[in-house]
Amino acid sequence: MNLSQNDWIAQLEADRNAVILDVRTEDECNEGIIPNAIMIDIYKGQGFVYQVEELDKTKNYYVYCKAGGRSAQACAVMNQLGFENTFNLEGGFMQWKGEVAFPEEK
């Protein structure tokens, strides 16, 4: 389901079962992420599927990428894998007006 930034934030803040998922590349994530996001690069293809399959399917996933295209694709893949609640951030991180964090160095 595609949500505008305002709806995405409002729903996320009210959701006690929420997980934020960033599907951008590592380089993109290094430019900043939405706080508490987990990062799984959709460009990893089957590797993305393997990592997503390890996630808890009972959670609600708030998914974003740079502009909204890859995250919409990620939501579709996750739905096919049995995830019931995936929410795509329309406009992606490029239009994000909320708080920004930076991934911790490994």
N, C-alpha and C. Protein backbone atom coordinates (compact mmCIF):
# COMPACT_ATOMS: atom_id res chain seq x y z
N MET A 1 0.84 -1.18 0.00
CA MET A 1 0.00 0.00 0.00
C MET A 1 0.89 1.25 0.00
N ASN A 2 0.62 2.16 -0.91
CA ASN A 2 1.37 3.40 -0.99
C ASN A 2 0.78 4.43 -0.03
N LEU A 3 1.63 5.07 0.74
CA LEU A 3 1.19 6.10 1.66
C LEU A 3 1.97 7.39 1.42
N SER A 4 1.29 8.52 1.52
CA SER A 4 1.98 9.80 1.45
C SER A 4 2.89 9.90 2.68
N GLN A 5 3.83 10.81 2.63
CA GLN A 5 4.76 10.96 3.74
C GLN A 5 4.01 11.22 5.06
N ASN A 6 3.03 12.11 5.04
CA ASN A 6 2.29 12.43 6.26
C ASN A 6 1.55 11.22 6.81
N ASP A 7 0.88 10.46 5.91
CA ASP A 7 0.14 9.26 6.34
C ASP A 7 1.10 8.19 6.85
N TRP A 8 2.24 8.04 6.16
CA TRP A 8 3.24 7.04 6.52
C TRP A 8 3.75 7.32 7.93
N ILE A 9 4.09 8.58 8.20
CA ILE A 9 4.62 8.97 9.51
C ILE A 9 3.55 8.79 10.58
N ALA A 10 2.33 9.26 10.31
CA ALA A 10 1.25 9.17 11.30
C ALA A 10 0.96 7.72 11.65
N GLN A 11 0.88 6.89 10.64
CA GLN A 11 0.57 5.47 10.86
C GLN A 11 1.73 4.79 11.59
N LEU A 12 2.96 5.11 11.18
CA LEU A 12 4.15 4.54 11.80
C LEU A 12 4.20 4.88 13.30
N GLU A 13 3.95 6.14 13.62
CA GLU A 13 4.04 6.59 15.01
C GLU A 13 2.98 5.92 15.89
N ALA A 14 1.85 5.56 15.31
CA ALA A 14 0.76 4.93 16.07
C ALA A 14 0.87 3.41 16.12
N ASP A 15 1.84 2.85 15.38
CA ASP A 15 1.94 1.40 15.20
C ASP A 15 2.99 0.81 16.14
N ARG A 16 2.53 0.03 17.11
CA ARG A 16 3.46 -0.59 18.07
C ARG A 16 4.13 -1.84 17.49
N ASN A 17 3.71 -2.23 16.30
CA ASN A 17 4.23 -3.44 15.68
C ASN A 17 5.02 -3.11 14.40
N ALA A 18 5.58 -1.90 14.36
CA ALA A 18 6.20 -1.40 13.14
C ALA A 18 7.68 -1.73 13.03
N VAL A 19 8.10 -1.98 11.79
CA VAL A 19 9.51 -2.12 11.45
C VAL A 19 9.75 -1.23 10.23
N ILE A 20 10.80 -0.41 10.29
CA ILE A 20 11.15 0.45 9.15
C ILE A 20 12.21 -0.29 8.34
N LEU A 21 11.98 -0.39 7.03
CA LEU A 21 12.90 -1.12 6.15
C LEU A 21 13.38 -0.21 5.03
N ASP A 22 14.69 -0.05 4.95
CA ASP A 22 15.34 0.75 3.90
C ASP A 22 15.89 -0.22 2.87
N VAL A 23 15.46 -0.11 1.61
CA VAL A 23 15.89 -1.07 0.58
C VAL A 23 16.90 -0.46 -0.39
N ARG A 24 17.52 0.65 0.01
CA ARG A 24 18.52 1.30 -0.86
C ARG A 24 19.88 0.60 -0.75
N THR A 25 20.83 1.03 -1.59
CA THR A 25 22.18 0.48 -1.55
C THR A 25 22.92 1.00 -0.32
N GLU A 26 24.01 0.36 0.02
CA GLU A 26 24.81 0.79 1.18
C GLU A 26 25.29 2.23 1.00
N ASP A 27 25.75 2.57 -0.22
CA ASP A 27 26.21 3.94 -0.47
C ASP A 27 25.10 4.96 -0.23
N GLU A 28 23.89 4.63 -0.68
CA GLU A 28 22.75 5.54 -0.46
C GLU A 28 22.44 5.66 1.02
N CYS A 29 22.49 4.56 1.73
CA CYS A 29 22.20 4.57 3.17
C CYS A 29 23.23 5.40 3.94
N ASN A 30 24.46 5.43 3.46
CA ASN A 30 25.50 6.21 4.12
C ASN A 30 25.22 7.71 4.05
N GLU A 31 24.31 8.13 3.16
CA GLU A 31 23.92 9.54 3.07
C GLU A 31 22.87 9.88 4.12
N GLY A 32 22.40 8.88 4.86
CA GLY A 32 21.41 9.09 5.90
C GLY A 32 20.26 8.12 5.75
N ILE A 33 19.69 7.73 6.89
CA ILE A 33 18.55 6.81 6.91
C ILE A 33 17.48 7.37 7.85
N ILE A 34 16.29 6.84 7.74
CA ILE A 34 15.24 7.16 8.71
C ILE A 34 15.62 6.40 9.99
N PRO A 35 15.61 7.08 11.15
CA PRO A 35 16.06 6.43 12.39
C PRO A 35 15.40 5.07 12.63
N ASN A 36 16.23 4.13 13.10
CA ASN A 36 15.83 2.76 13.46
C ASN A 36 15.52 1.87 12.26
N ALA A 37 15.81 2.33 11.06
CA ALA A 37 15.56 1.49 9.88
C ALA A 37 16.55 0.34 9.83
N ILE A 38 16.04 -0.81 9.34
CA ILE A 38 16.96 -1.90 9.02
C ILE A 38 17.20 -1.81 7.52
N MET A 39 18.42 -2.15 7.09
CA MET A 39 18.79 -1.97 5.70
C MET A 39 18.97 -3.32 5.00
N ILE A 40 18.19 -3.51 3.95
CA ILE A 40 18.34 -4.70 3.10
C ILE A 40 18.26 -4.22 1.66
N ASP A 41 19.37 -4.28 0.94
CA ASP A 41 19.47 -3.75 -0.42
C ASP A 41 18.68 -4.62 -1.40
N ILE A 42 17.67 -4.02 -2.03
CA ILE A 42 16.84 -4.78 -2.98
C ILE A 42 17.64 -5.19 -4.22
N TYR A 43 18.72 -4.47 -4.53
CA TYR A 43 19.53 -4.82 -5.70
C TYR A 43 20.31 -6.13 -5.49
N LYS A 44 20.27 -6.69 -4.29
CA LYS A 44 20.95 -7.97 -4.05
C LYS A 44 20.15 -9.15 -4.59
N GLY A 45 18.99 -8.86 -5.22
CA GLY A 45 18.22 -9.91 -5.89
C GLY A 45 17.79 -11.01 -4.94
N GLN A 46 18.26 -12.23 -5.21
CA GLN A 46 17.88 -13.37 -4.38
C GLN A 46 18.37 -13.19 -2.95
N GLY A 47 19.49 -12.51 -2.78
CA GLY A 47 20.00 -12.22 -1.43
C GLY A 47 19.00 -11.38 -0.65
N PHE A 48 18.33 -10.47 -1.34
CA PHE A 48 17.27 -9.66 -0.71
C PHE A 48 16.15 -10.57 -0.22
N VAL A 49 15.73 -11.49 -1.08
CA VAL A 49 14.64 -12.42 -0.74
C VAL A 49 15.04 -13.25 0.48
N TYR A 50 16.27 -13.77 0.50
CA TYR A 50 16.72 -14.58 1.63
C TYR A 50 16.68 -13.78 2.93
N GLN A 51 17.17 -12.53 2.89
CA GLN A 51 17.20 -11.71 4.10
C GLN A 51 15.79 -11.34 4.56
N VAL A 52 14.92 -11.01 3.62
CA VAL A 52 13.55 -10.64 3.96
C VAL A 52 12.81 -11.83 4.56
N GLU A 53 13.07 -13.02 4.04
CA GLU A 53 12.39 -14.21 4.54
C GLU A 53 12.72 -14.49 6.01
N GLU A 54 13.83 -13.93 6.51
CA GLU A 54 14.21 -14.12 7.91
C GLU A 54 13.46 -13.16 8.83
N LEU A 55 12.77 -12.18 8.27
CA LEU A 55 12.05 -11.19 9.07
C LEU A 55 10.75 -11.77 9.63
N ASP A 56 10.26 -11.18 10.68
CA ASP A 56 9.03 -11.61 11.35
C ASP A 56 7.82 -11.16 10.52
N LYS A 57 7.09 -12.11 9.96
CA LYS A 57 5.96 -11.78 9.08
C LYS A 57 4.76 -11.21 9.84
N THR A 58 4.79 -11.26 11.17
CA THR A 58 3.67 -10.71 11.94
C THR A 58 3.81 -9.20 12.17
N LYS A 59 4.96 -8.64 11.79
CA LYS A 59 5.19 -7.20 11.96
C LYS A 59 4.61 -6.42 10.78
N ASN A 60 4.50 -5.11 10.96
CA ASN A 60 4.07 -4.20 9.88
C ASN A 60 5.31 -3.49 9.36
N TYR A 61 5.54 -3.57 8.07
CA TYR A 61 6.77 -3.04 7.48
C TYR A 61 6.53 -1.74 6.74
N TYR A 62 7.29 -0.73 7.14
CA TYR A 62 7.25 0.60 6.52
C TYR A 62 8.51 0.70 5.67
N VAL A 63 8.32 0.61 4.35
CA VAL A 63 9.42 0.41 3.43
C VAL A 63 9.68 1.69 2.63
N TYR A 64 10.97 1.99 2.45
CA TYR A 64 11.31 3.16 1.62
C TYR A 64 12.60 2.93 0.86
N CYS A 65 12.77 3.71 -0.20
CA CYS A 65 14.00 3.73 -0.98
C CYS A 65 14.29 5.20 -1.28
N LYS A 66 14.95 5.48 -2.40
CA LYS A 66 15.28 6.87 -2.70
C LYS A 66 14.07 7.66 -3.19
N ALA A 67 13.29 7.06 -4.11
CA ALA A 67 12.18 7.81 -4.71
C ALA A 67 10.82 7.11 -4.62
N GLY A 68 10.79 5.87 -4.18
CA GLY A 68 9.52 5.15 -4.03
C GLY A 68 9.32 3.98 -4.97
N GLY A 69 10.16 3.86 -5.99
CA GLY A 69 10.01 2.77 -6.97
C GLY A 69 10.47 1.43 -6.45
N ARG A 70 11.71 1.38 -5.96
CA ARG A 70 12.24 0.11 -5.44
C ARG A 70 11.47 -0.36 -4.22
N SER A 71 11.03 0.60 -3.38
CA SER A 71 10.30 0.19 -2.18
C SER A 71 8.93 -0.38 -2.55
N ALA A 72 8.31 0.16 -3.60
CA ALA A 72 7.03 -0.41 -4.07
C ALA A 72 7.27 -1.85 -4.54
N GLN A 73 8.37 -2.05 -5.25
CA GLN A 73 8.75 -3.37 -5.74
C GLN A 73 9.02 -4.30 -4.54
N ALA A 74 9.72 -3.79 -3.52
CA ALA A 74 10.02 -4.58 -2.32
C ALA A 74 8.73 -4.99 -1.62
N CYS A 75 7.78 -4.07 -1.52
CA CYS A 75 6.49 -4.40 -0.89
C CYS A 75 5.79 -5.53 -1.65
N ALA A 76 5.83 -5.47 -2.97
CA ALA A 76 5.19 -6.50 -3.79
C ALA A 76 5.86 -7.86 -3.56
N VAL A 77 7.19 -7.87 -3.51
CA VAL A 77 7.92 -9.12 -3.26
C VAL A 77 7.57 -9.65 -1.87
N MET A 78 7.56 -8.76 -0.88
CA MET A 78 7.25 -9.18 0.49
C MET A 78 5.83 -9.73 0.59
N ASN A 79 4.90 -9.11 -0.11
CA ASN A 79 3.51 -9.60 -0.11
C ASN A 79 3.45 -11.01 -0.69
N GLN A 80 4.21 -11.25 -1.76
CA GLN A 80 4.25 -12.58 -2.36
C GLN A 80 4.85 -13.61 -1.40
N LEU A 81 5.73 -13.15 -0.51
CA LEU A 81 6.38 -14.04 0.46
C LEU A 81 5.53 -14.26 1.71
N GLY A 82 4.36 -13.62 1.75
CA GLY A 82 3.46 -13.85 2.86
C GLY A 82 3.39 -12.74 3.91
N PHE A 83 4.04 -11.61 3.64
CA PHE A 83 3.92 -10.46 4.54
C PHE A 83 2.59 -9.79 4.26
N GLU A 84 1.78 -9.59 5.29
CA GLU A 84 0.45 -9.03 5.08
C GLU A 84 0.42 -7.52 5.08
N ASN A 85 1.32 -6.88 5.85
CA ASN A 85 1.25 -5.43 6.01
C ASN A 85 2.57 -4.76 5.62
N THR A 86 2.60 -4.26 4.39
CA THR A 86 3.75 -3.50 3.92
C THR A 86 3.25 -2.15 3.43
N PHE A 87 3.97 -1.10 3.80
CA PHE A 87 3.55 0.25 3.46
C PHE A 87 4.71 0.98 2.77
N ASN A 88 4.47 1.42 1.55
CA ASN A 88 5.49 2.09 0.76
C ASN A 88 5.43 3.60 0.97
N LEU A 89 6.60 4.20 1.21
CA LEU A 89 6.69 5.65 1.37
C LEU A 89 6.76 6.31 -0.01
N GLU A 90 5.67 6.97 -0.41
CA GLU A 90 5.65 7.66 -1.71
C GLU A 90 6.67 8.80 -1.70
N GLY A 91 7.45 8.89 -2.78
CA GLY A 91 8.45 9.95 -2.88
C GLY A 91 9.78 9.58 -2.24
N GLY A 92 9.77 8.55 -1.42
CA GLY A 92 11.00 8.02 -0.85
C GLY A 92 11.80 9.00 0.00
N PHE A 93 13.06 8.64 0.20
CA PHE A 93 13.94 9.41 1.08
C PHE A 93 14.24 10.79 0.51
N MET A 94 14.17 10.92 -0.82
CA MET A 94 14.44 12.23 -1.45
C MET A 94 13.50 13.30 -0.93
N GLN A 95 12.26 12.91 -0.62
CA GLN A 95 11.27 13.87 -0.16
C GLN A 95 11.04 13.80 1.35
N TRP A 96 11.84 13.02 2.04
CA TRP A 96 11.69 12.84 3.48
C TRP A 96 11.97 14.14 4.21
N LYS A 97 11.06 14.53 5.09
CA LYS A 97 11.23 15.77 5.84
C LYS A 97 11.44 15.50 7.34
N GLY A 98 11.43 14.23 7.71
CA GLY A 98 11.56 13.87 9.12
C GLY A 98 13.01 13.78 9.56
N GLU A 99 13.20 13.17 10.70
CA GLU A 99 14.52 13.01 11.29
C GLU A 99 15.38 12.09 10.42
N VAL A 100 16.69 12.34 10.44
CA VAL A 100 17.64 11.52 9.68
C VAL A 100 18.73 11.04 10.63
N ALA A 101 19.07 9.78 10.51
CA ALA A 101 20.18 9.21 11.28
C ALA A 101 21.22 8.70 10.29
N PHE A 102 22.34 8.26 10.81
CA PHE A 102 23.38 7.70 9.95
C PHE A 102 23.71 6.30 10.44
N PRO A 103 23.88 5.36 9.48
CA PRO A 103 24.15 3.98 9.89
C PRO A 103 25.43 3.91 10.71
N GLU A 104 25.45 3.01 11.68
CA GLU A 104 26.65 2.84 12.48
C GLU A 104 27.72 2.14 11.66
N GLU A 105 28.95 2.57 11.89
CA GLU A 105 30.08 1.95 11.18
C GLU A 105 30.20 0.49 11.63
N LYS A 106 30.53 -0.37 10.68
CA LYS A 106 30.68 -1.80 11.01
C LYS A 106 32.10 -2.06 11.48
